[in-house]
Amino acid sequence: MIYNIGLCQFRPTLLKKQKNLDTMWKMVEGIKADLIVFPELSTSGYVFNSRDEVFSIADDFEKSDTTAMFLELSKENDTSYVIGFPEKSDNFLYNSCMLINPDGSKYLYRKTHLFNEEKQWFEPGNLGFVVAKGKKEVNIGLMICFDWMFPESARTLMLKGATIIAHPSALVLPWCQQAMLTRSLENRIFSITANRIGTEINGEKEFLFTGMSQAVSPLGEILFRLEKDDEKVQIVEIDTDKANEKNPTPFNNIITDRKPEYYI
């Protein structure tokens, strides 16, 4: 099936949720696709100094204006969206992303593998790796940023039936973009890594984000890769059936050839 996937690479403003929501709306307004992925913590920025800062800008997934806005935008543009955001649930904080669909359905994933100081603000995700139906009933696997470091993340999503991995990110290390070629290849799956750009400063902390958001084919081919400082939406047409081809040779299958009894 022909499917149009893409991402929005931009620079969120720290602790300015409404400004970020306005930017995200304007960047994708009128752009129709099947799936568009935004970066990690798109609505909040990334470089926090306290849990109070995170709580001040975190959203309740079921009741937030972020969820409501993307439900409206998804219906208007007939596009599924994956959005990274800080989530509050009771007195807990999670680094989360939501999948919002034109039919009004919505799904939540909480980041499993927290990176660096994220461990001071967020709880580890407790939902497991989520594969959910996107537009046209395509299976979308959700993972966030540093989840890429653990091959089990992408492998679990593939084994759960994902056709596309949606991967909101806020990357500061230099290795992820290239590693995702391998994650796509070893699982014969499409991936979309939506990174942010810019330098973000909060007091004495300063983080430079690497941009270079990309889409990758099941053969590990870069379908597109943005520049480090591009602020743009990029869409590419794919054939989802390519993610069903799990036989690298006539005698091998990447699922049935696995030997989990020998894996630690």
C-alpha atoms as a PDB file:
ATOM      1  CA  MET A   1       0.000   0.000   0.000  1.00  0.00           C
ATOM      2  CA  ILE A   2       1.235   3.469  -0.863  1.00  0.00           C
ATOM      3  CA  TYR A   3       1.631   5.547   2.291  1.00  0.00           C
ATOM      4  CA  ASN A   4       2.970   9.070   2.777  1.00  0.00           C
ATOM      5  CA  ILE A   5       5.123   9.431   5.878  1.00  0.00           C
ATOM      6  CA  GLY A   6       7.113  12.375   7.164  1.00  0.00           C
ATOM      7  CA  LEU A   7       8.267  14.513  10.018  1.00  0.00           C
ATOM      8  CA  CYS A   8       8.480  18.039  11.322  1.00  0.00           C
ATOM      9  CA  GLN A   9      11.936  19.182  12.419  1.00  0.00           C
ATOM     10  CA  PHE A  10      11.899  22.427  14.381  1.00  0.00           C
ATOM     11  CA  ARG A  11      13.237  24.204  17.458  1.00  0.00           C
ATOM     12  CA  PRO A  12      10.882  24.107  20.451  1.00  0.00           C
ATOM     13  CA  THR A  13      11.054  27.041  22.857  1.00  0.00           C
ATOM     14  CA  LEU A  14      11.802  26.042  26.445  1.00  0.00           C
ATOM     15  CA  LEU A  15       8.771  26.187  28.775  1.00  0.00           C
ATOM     16  CA  LYS A  16       6.579  27.951  26.182  1.00  0.00           C
ATOM     17  CA  LYS A  17       3.922  25.368  25.406  1.00  0.00           C
ATOM     18  CA  GLN A  18       1.455  27.602  23.598  1.00  0.00           C
ATOM     19  CA  LYS A  19       4.184  29.068  21.401  1.00  0.00           C
ATOM     20  CA  ASN A  20       5.323  25.555  20.513  1.00  0.00           C
ATOM     21  CA  LEU A  21       1.781  24.394  19.751  1.00  0.00           C
ATOM     22  CA  ASP A  22       1.250  27.430  17.528  1.00  0.00           C
ATOM     23  CA  THR A  23       4.503  26.693  15.680  1.00  0.00           C
ATOM     24  CA  MET A  24       3.611  23.041  15.182  1.00  0.00           C
ATOM     25  CA  TRP A  25       0.151  23.909  13.877  1.00  0.00           C
ATOM     26  CA  LYS A  26       1.504  26.483  11.420  1.00  0.00           C
ATOM     27  CA  MET A  27       4.234  24.180  10.131  1.00  0.00           C
ATOM     28  CA  VAL A  28       1.850  21.356   9.174  1.00  0.00           C
ATOM     29  CA  GLU A  29      -1.309  23.334   8.423  1.00  0.00           C
ATOM     30  CA  GLY A  30      -2.651  22.282   5.027  1.00  0.00           C
ATOM     31  CA  ILE A  31      -0.040  19.527   4.617  1.00  0.00           C
ATOM     32  CA  LYS A  32      -1.762  16.213   4.025  1.00  0.00           C
ATOM     33  CA  ALA A  33       0.048  12.943   4.642  1.00  0.00           C
ATOM     34  CA  ASP A  34      -0.689   9.625   6.257  1.00  0.00           C
ATOM     35  CA  LEU A  35       1.727  10.076   9.168  1.00  0.00           C
ATOM     36  CA  ILE A  36       3.826  13.001  10.458  1.00  0.00           C
ATOM     37  CA  VAL A  37       6.139  12.668  13.470  1.00  0.00           C
ATOM     38  CA  PHE A  38       7.259  15.542  15.734  1.00  0.00           C
ATOM     39  CA  PRO A  39      10.333  15.555  18.026  1.00  0.00           C
ATOM     40  CA  GLU A  40      10.636  14.415  21.628  1.00  0.00           C
ATOM     41  CA  LEU A  41       9.208  16.891  24.180  1.00  0.00           C
ATOM     42  CA  SER A  42       7.988  19.070  21.293  1.00  0.00           C
ATOM     43  CA  THR A  43       5.634  21.067  23.469  1.00  0.00           C
ATOM     44  CA  SER A  44       8.029  21.888  26.297  1.00  0.00           C
ATOM     45  CA  GLY A  45      11.659  22.014  25.277  1.00  0.00           C
ATOM     46  CA  TYR A  46      14.167  19.696  26.887  1.00  0.00           C
ATOM     47  CA  VAL A  47      16.722  21.297  29.227  1.00  0.00           C
ATOM     48  CA  PHE A  48      15.029  21.341  32.632  1.00  0.00           C
ATOM     49  CA  ASN A  49      16.438  22.349  35.993  1.00  0.00           C
ATOM     50  CA  SER A  50      13.766  20.978  38.310  1.00  0.00           C
ATOM     51  CA  ARG A  51      10.713  18.740  38.525  1.00  0.00           C
ATOM     52  CA  ASP A  52       8.670  21.878  39.199  1.00  0.00           C
ATOM     53  CA  GLU A  53       9.594  23.160  35.739  1.00  0.00           C
ATOM     54  CA  VAL A  54       8.426  19.920  34.176  1.00  0.00           C
ATOM     55  CA  PHE A  55       5.183  19.854  36.186  1.00  0.00           C
ATOM     56  CA  SER A  56       4.471  23.438  35.126  1.00  0.00           C
ATOM     57  CA  ILE A  57       4.293  22.452  31.475  1.00  0.00           C
ATOM     58  CA  ALA A  58       3.299  18.757  31.562  1.00  0.00           C
ATOM     59  CA  ASP A  59      -0.009  17.535  30.102  1.00  0.00           C
ATOM     60  CA  ASP A  60      -2.647  15.061  31.188  1.00  0.00           C
ATOM     61  CA  PHE A  61      -2.974  12.894  28.073  1.00  0.00           C
ATOM     62  CA  GLU A  62      -6.726  12.417  28.386  1.00  0.00           C
ATOM     63  CA  LYS A  63      -7.639  16.035  29.120  1.00  0.00           C
ATOM     64  CA  SER A  64      -4.932  18.308  27.747  1.00  0.00           C
ATOM     65  CA  ASP A  65      -5.185  21.125  25.211  1.00  0.00           C
ATOM     66  CA  THR A  66      -2.310  19.446  23.335  1.00  0.00           C
ATOM     67  CA  THR A  67      -4.375  16.310  22.785  1.00  0.00           C
ATOM     68  CA  ALA A  68      -7.437  18.375  21.847  1.00  0.00           C
ATOM     69  CA  MET A  69      -5.481  20.480  19.352  1.00  0.00           C
ATOM     70  CA  PHE A  70      -4.024  17.485  17.564  1.00  0.00           C
ATOM     71  CA  LEU A  71      -7.365  15.699  17.450  1.00  0.00           C
ATOM     72  CA  GLU A  72      -8.709  18.751  15.632  1.00  0.00           C
ATOM     73  CA  LEU A  73      -5.660  19.091  13.378  1.00  0.00           C
ATOM     74  CA  SER A  74      -5.619  15.381  12.545  1.00  0.00           C
ATOM     75  CA  LYS A  75      -9.232  15.481  11.402  1.00  0.00           C
ATOM     76  CA  GLU A  76      -8.705  18.715   9.449  1.00  0.00           C
ATOM     77  CA  ASN A  77      -5.599  17.476   7.596  1.00  0.00           C
ATOM     78  CA  ASP A  78      -6.638  13.796   7.441  1.00  0.00           C
ATOM     79  CA  THR A  79      -3.233  12.899   8.892  1.00  0.00           C
ATOM     80  CA  SER A  80      -2.010  10.840  11.839  1.00  0.00           C
ATOM     81  CA  TYR A  81       0.470  12.579  14.142  1.00  0.00           C
ATOM     82  CA  VAL A  82       2.997  11.395  16.714  1.00  0.00           C
ATOM     83  CA  ILE A  83       3.892  14.119  19.223  1.00  0.00           C
ATOM     84  CA  GLY A  84       6.465  14.039  22.009  1.00  0.00           C
ATOM     85  CA  PHE A  85       5.357  15.747  25.238  1.00  0.00           C
ATOM     86  CA  PRO A  86       5.903  15.691  29.023  1.00  0.00           C
ATOM     87  CA  GLU A  87       3.031  13.804  30.625  1.00  0.00           C
ATOM     88  CA  LYS A  88       1.698  14.113  34.158  1.00  0.00           C
ATOM     89  CA  SER A  89      -0.400  11.325  35.605  1.00  0.00           C
ATOM     90  CA  ASP A  90      -1.372  11.708  39.261  1.00  0.00           C
ATOM     91  CA  ASN A  91       1.903  12.810  40.850  1.00  0.00           C
ATOM     92  CA  PHE A  92       4.125  11.098  38.284  1.00  0.00           C
ATOM     93  CA  LEU A  93       5.909  12.534  35.262  1.00  0.00           C
ATOM     94  CA  TYR A  94       6.682  10.629  32.060  1.00  0.00           C
ATOM     95  CA  ASN A  95       8.551  11.450  28.879  1.00  0.00           C
ATOM     96  CA  SER A  96       5.768  10.411  26.507  1.00  0.00           C
ATOM     97  CA  CYS A  97       4.435  10.554  22.983  1.00  0.00           C
ATOM     98  CA  MET A  98       0.915  10.326  21.637  1.00  0.00           C
ATOM     99  CA  LEU A  99      -0.399   8.934  18.365  1.00  0.00           C
ATOM    100  CA  ILE A 100      -3.449  10.884  17.191  1.00  0.00           C
ATOM    101  CA  ASN A 101      -5.567   9.676  14.252  1.00  0.00           C
ATOM    102  CA  PRO A 102      -8.131  11.348  11.959  1.00  0.00           C
ATOM    103  CA  ASP A 103     -10.878   9.019  13.221  1.00  0.00           C
ATOM    104  CA  GLY A 104     -10.406  10.402  16.738  1.00  0.00           C
ATOM    105  CA  SER A 105      -8.529   7.429  18.161  1.00  0.00           C
ATOM    106  CA  LYS A 106      -5.483   8.159  20.304  1.00  0.00           C
ATOM    107  CA  TYR A 107      -2.686   6.120  21.878  1.00  0.00           C
ATOM    108  CA  LEU A 108       0.036   6.750  24.453  1.00  0.00           C
ATOM    109  CA  TYR A 109       3.629   5.542  24.889  1.00  0.00           C
ATOM    110  CA  ARG A 110       5.925   6.353  27.821  1.00  0.00           C
ATOM    111  CA  LYS A 111       9.680   6.324  27.198  1.00  0.00           C
ATOM    112  CA  THR A 112      11.252   3.112  28.471  1.00  0.00           C
ATOM    113  CA  HIS A 113      14.965   4.012  28.473  1.00  0.00           C
ATOM    114  CA  LEU A 114      15.555   7.404  30.095  1.00  0.00           C
ATOM    115  CA  PHE A 115      18.658   9.371  29.094  1.00  0.00           C
ATOM    116  CA  ASN A 116      20.995  11.270  31.388  1.00  0.00           C
ATOM    117  CA  GLU A 117      19.195  13.845  33.596  1.00  0.00           C
ATOM    118  CA  GLU A 118      15.792  12.668  32.414  1.00  0.00           C
ATOM    119  CA  LYS A 119      16.091  10.204  35.309  1.00  0.00           C
ATOM    120  CA  GLN A 120      15.804  13.146  37.720  1.00  0.00           C
ATOM    121  CA  TRP A 121      12.489  14.354  36.277  1.00  0.00           C
ATOM    122  CA  PHE A 122      10.672  11.354  34.812  1.00  0.00           C
ATOM    123  CA  GLU A 123       9.587   7.868  35.791  1.00  0.00           C
ATOM    124  CA  PRO A 124      10.591   5.032  33.447  1.00  0.00           C
ATOM    125  CA  GLY A 125       7.772   4.107  31.094  1.00  0.00           C
ATOM    126  CA  ASN A 126       5.389   1.449  32.407  1.00  0.00           C
ATOM    127  CA  LEU A 127       3.311   0.679  29.311  1.00  0.00           C
ATOM    128  CA  GLY A 128       5.797  -1.487  27.439  1.00  0.00           C
ATOM    129  CA  PHE A 129       6.461  -0.895  23.752  1.00  0.00           C
ATOM    130  CA  VAL A 130       3.299   0.168  21.972  1.00  0.00           C
ATOM    131  CA  VAL A 131       2.172  -0.763  18.463  1.00  0.00           C
ATOM    132  CA  ALA A 132      -1.062   0.971  17.497  1.00  0.00           C
ATOM    133  CA  LYS A 133      -3.202   1.456  14.420  1.00  0.00           C
ATOM    134  CA  GLY A 134      -2.565   4.647  12.477  1.00  0.00           C
ATOM    135  CA  LYS A 135      -4.388   5.981   9.440  1.00  0.00           C
ATOM    136  CA  LYS A 136      -5.436   3.234   7.002  1.00  0.00           C
ATOM    137  CA  GLU A 137      -4.971   0.672   9.799  1.00  0.00           C
ATOM    138  CA  VAL A 138      -1.177   0.670   9.381  1.00  0.00           C
ATOM    139  CA  ASN A 139       0.677  -0.597  12.461  1.00  0.00           C
ATOM    140  CA  ILE A 140       2.772   2.196  14.004  1.00  0.00           C
ATOM    141  CA  GLY A 141       5.413   1.284  16.582  1.00  0.00           C
ATOM    142  CA  LEU A 142       6.317   3.963  19.119  1.00  0.00           C
ATOM    143  CA  MET A 143       9.701   4.553  20.708  1.00  0.00           C
ATOM    144  CA  ILE A 144      11.413   7.721  21.948  1.00  0.00           C
ATOM    145  CA  CYS A 145      14.984   8.948  21.449  1.00  0.00           C
ATOM    146  CA  PHE A 146      17.418   6.923  23.655  1.00  0.00           C
ATOM    147  CA  ASP A 147      15.298   3.789  23.151  1.00  0.00           C
ATOM    148  CA  TRP A 148      17.360   3.505  19.951  1.00  0.00           C
ATOM    149  CA  MET A 149      20.444   2.474  21.973  1.00  0.00           C
ATOM    150  CA  PHE A 150      18.753  -0.812  22.905  1.00  0.00           C
ATOM    151  CA  PRO A 151      18.171  -3.100  19.891  1.00  0.00           C
ATOM    152  CA  GLU A 152      15.424  -4.831  21.844  1.00  0.00           C
ATOM    153  CA  SER A 153      13.246  -1.735  21.471  1.00  0.00           C
ATOM    154  CA  ALA A 154      12.937  -1.875  17.693  1.00  0.00           C
ATOM    155  CA  ARG A 155      12.966  -5.678  17.689  1.00  0.00           C
ATOM    156  CA  THR A 156      10.048  -5.804  20.113  1.00  0.00           C
ATOM    157  CA  LEU A 157       8.058  -3.366  17.976  1.00  0.00           C
ATOM    158  CA  MET A 158       8.717  -5.454  14.861  1.00  0.00           C
ATOM    159  CA  LEU A 159       7.704  -8.681  16.615  1.00  0.00           C
ATOM    160  CA  LYS A 160       4.502  -6.943  17.726  1.00  0.00           C
ATOM    161  CA  GLY A 161       3.722  -6.289  14.064  1.00  0.00           C
ATOM    162  CA  ALA A 162       4.900  -2.723  13.456  1.00  0.00           C
ATOM    163  CA  THR A 163       5.270  -1.617   9.851  1.00  0.00           C
ATOM    164  CA  ILE A 164       6.714   1.809  10.725  1.00  0.00           C
ATOM    165  CA  ILE A 165       8.648   2.945  13.783  1.00  0.00           C
ATOM    166  CA  ALA A 166       7.789   6.509  14.783  1.00  0.00           C
ATOM    167  CA  HIS A 167      10.756   7.813  16.766  1.00  0.00           C
ATOM    168  CA  PRO A 168      10.412  11.302  18.328  1.00  0.00           C
ATOM    169  CA  SER A 169      13.871  12.424  19.434  1.00  0.00           C
ATOM    170  CA  ALA A 170      15.952  15.183  20.998  1.00  0.00           C
ATOM    171  CA  LEU A 171      19.391  13.914  20.039  1.00  0.00           C
ATOM    172  CA  VAL A 172      22.648  15.325  21.367  1.00  0.00           C
ATOM    173  CA  LEU A 173      24.889  12.287  20.810  1.00  0.00           C
ATOM    174  CA  PRO A 174      26.237  11.765  17.260  1.00  0.00           C
ATOM    175  CA  TRP A 175      25.370   8.099  16.641  1.00  0.00           C
ATOM    176  CA  CYS A 176      21.620   7.623  16.465  1.00  0.00           C
ATOM    177  CA  GLN A 177      20.907   8.613  12.887  1.00  0.00           C
ATOM    178  CA  GLN A 178      23.369   6.063  11.544  1.00  0.00           C
ATOM    179  CA  ALA A 179      22.329   3.397  14.043  1.00  0.00           C
ATOM    180  CA  MET A 180      18.714   3.661  12.895  1.00  0.00           C
ATOM    181  CA  LEU A 181      19.774   2.392   9.463  1.00  0.00           C
ATOM    182  CA  THR A 182      20.738  -0.843  11.190  1.00  0.00           C
ATOM    183  CA  ARG A 183      17.586  -0.895  13.327  1.00  0.00           C
ATOM    184  CA  SER A 184      15.500  -0.648  10.157  1.00  0.00           C
ATOM    185  CA  LEU A 185      17.572  -3.203   8.267  1.00  0.00           C
ATOM    186  CA  GLU A 186      17.783  -5.844  10.988  1.00  0.00           C
ATOM    187  CA  ASN A 187      14.015  -5.667  11.472  1.00  0.00           C
ATOM    188  CA  ARG A 188      13.019  -5.010   7.844  1.00  0.00           C
ATOM    189  CA  ILE A 189      10.902  -2.069   8.954  1.00  0.00           C
ATOM    190  CA  PHE A 190      10.479   1.611   8.076  1.00  0.00           C
ATOM    191  CA  SER A 191      11.620   4.166  10.654  1.00  0.00           C
ATOM    192  CA  ILE A 192      11.077   7.905  11.058  1.00  0.00           C
ATOM    193  CA  THR A 193      13.409   9.697  13.462  1.00  0.00           C
ATOM    194  CA  ALA A 194      12.086  13.214  14.094  1.00  0.00           C
ATOM    195  CA  ASN A 195      14.817  15.199  15.837  1.00  0.00           C
ATOM    196  CA  ARG A 196      14.830  18.810  17.000  1.00  0.00           C
ATOM    197  CA  ILE A 197      17.369  21.524  16.212  1.00  0.00           C
ATOM    198  CA  GLY A 198      19.082  24.404  17.970  1.00  0.00           C
ATOM    199  CA  THR A 199      20.962  25.191  21.151  1.00  0.00           C
ATOM    200  CA  GLU A 200      18.865  25.286  24.311  1.00  0.00           C
ATOM    201  CA  ILE A 201      20.120  27.079  27.442  1.00  0.00           C
ATOM    202  CA  ASN A 202      18.683  26.966  30.951  1.00  0.00           C
ATOM    203  CA  GLY A 203      20.909  28.617  33.544  1.00  0.00           C
ATOM    204  CA  GLU A 204      24.321  26.980  33.339  1.00  0.00           C
ATOM    205  CA  LYS A 205      23.068  24.095  31.166  1.00  0.00           C
ATOM    206  CA  GLU A 206      23.488  24.200  27.399  1.00  0.00           C
ATOM    207  CA  PHE A 207      22.534  21.444  24.943  1.00  0.00           C
ATOM    208  CA  LEU A 208      23.133  21.436  21.171  1.00  0.00           C
ATOM    209  CA  PHE A 209      20.717  19.222  19.242  1.00  0.00           C
ATOM    210  CA  THR A 210      21.887  17.503  16.082  1.00  0.00           C
ATOM    211  CA  GLY A 211      18.957  17.784  13.664  1.00  0.00           C
ATOM    212  CA  MET A 212      19.404  15.441  10.674  1.00  0.00           C
ATOM    213  CA  SER A 213      15.927  13.958  11.036  1.00  0.00           C
ATOM    214  CA  GLN A 214      15.379  11.117   8.611  1.00  0.00           C
ATOM    215  CA  ALA A 215      13.222   8.372   7.167  1.00  0.00           C
ATOM    216  CA  VAL A 216      14.768   4.949   6.524  1.00  0.00           C
ATOM    217  CA  SER A 217      13.583   1.975   4.452  1.00  0.00           C
ATOM    218  CA  PRO A 218      13.474  -1.705   5.508  1.00  0.00           C
ATOM    219  CA  LEU A 219      16.738  -2.183   3.593  1.00  0.00           C
ATOM    220  CA  GLY A 220      18.503   0.469   5.644  1.00  0.00           C
ATOM    221  CA  GLU A 221      18.330   3.055   2.860  1.00  0.00           C
ATOM    222  CA  ILE A 222      18.032   6.737   3.777  1.00  0.00           C
ATOM    223  CA  LEU A 223      14.858   7.948   2.077  1.00  0.00           C
ATOM    224  CA  PHE A 224      15.682  11.493   3.174  1.00  0.00           C
ATOM    225  CA  ARG A 225      17.811  13.168   5.826  1.00  0.00           C
ATOM    226  CA  LEU A 226      17.459  16.846   6.734  1.00  0.00           C
ATOM    227  CA  GLU A 227      20.358  19.177   7.522  1.00  0.00           C
ATOM    228  CA  LYS A 228      21.419  19.980  11.092  1.00  0.00           C
ATOM    229  CA  ASP A 229      19.587  23.304  11.144  1.00  0.00           C
ATOM    230  CA  ASP A 230      16.636  22.755   8.774  1.00  0.00           C
ATOM    231  CA  GLU A 231      13.289  23.835  10.168  1.00  0.00           C
ATOM    232  CA  LYS A 232      10.851  22.131   7.849  1.00  0.00           C
ATOM    233  CA  VAL A 233       8.332  19.408   7.156  1.00  0.00           C
ATOM    234  CA  GLN A 234       9.468  16.600   4.855  1.00  0.00           C
ATOM    235  CA  ILE A 235       7.219  13.901   3.368  1.00  0.00           C
ATOM    236  CA  VAL A 236       8.134  10.768   1.399  1.00  0.00           C
ATOM    237  CA  GLU A 237       6.026   8.117  -0.303  1.00  0.00           C
ATOM    238  CA  ILE A 238       6.596   4.517   0.750  1.00  0.00           C
ATOM    239  CA  ASP A 239       5.152   1.099  -0.056  1.00  0.00           C
ATOM    240  CA  THR A 240       4.179  -0.450   3.283  1.00  0.00           C
ATOM    241  CA  ASP A 241       4.264  -3.944   1.764  1.00  0.00           C
ATOM    242  CA  LYS A 242       8.073  -3.709   1.777  1.00  0.00           C
ATOM    243  CA  ALA A 243       7.987  -4.097   5.564  1.00  0.00           C
ATOM    244  CA  ASN A 244       6.362  -7.522   5.137  1.00  0.00           C
ATOM    245  CA  GLU A 245       9.398  -8.904   3.310  1.00  0.00           C
ATOM    246  CA  LYS A 246      11.236 -10.643   6.157  1.00  0.00           C
ATOM    247  CA  ASN A 247      13.279 -13.051   3.990  1.00  0.00           C
ATOM    248  CA  PRO A 248      16.812 -11.747   3.233  1.00  0.00           C
ATOM    249  CA  THR A 249      17.423 -14.986   1.262  1.00  0.00           C
ATOM    250  CA  PRO A 250      15.105 -17.776   0.060  1.00  0.00           C
ATOM    251  CA  PHE A 251      16.318 -19.848   3.013  1.00  0.00           C
ATOM    252  CA  ASN A 252      16.201 -17.228   5.792  1.00  0.00           C
ATOM    253  CA  ASN A 253      13.522 -15.394   7.720  1.00  0.00           C
ATOM    254  CA  ILE A 254      14.436 -12.821  10.359  1.00  0.00           C
ATOM    255  CA  ILE A 255      11.575 -13.937  12.612  1.00  0.00           C
ATOM    256  CA  THR A 256      11.543 -17.736  12.335  1.00  0.00           C
ATOM    257  CA  ASP A 257      15.371 -17.973  12.274  1.00  0.00           C
ATOM    258  CA  ARG A 258      15.653 -16.380  15.693  1.00  0.00           C
ATOM    259  CA  LYS A 259      17.056 -18.550  18.508  1.00  0.00           C
ATOM    260  CA  PRO A 260      15.719 -16.876  21.663  1.00  0.00           C
ATOM    261  CA  GLU A 261      16.692 -19.866  23.809  1.00  0.00           C
ATOM    262  CA  TYR A 262      20.330 -18.786  23.331  1.00  0.00           C
ATOM    263  CA  TYR A 263      19.835 -15.065  23.943  1.00  0.00           C
ATOM    264  CA  ILE A 264      20.623 -13.565  27.319  1.00  0.00           C
END
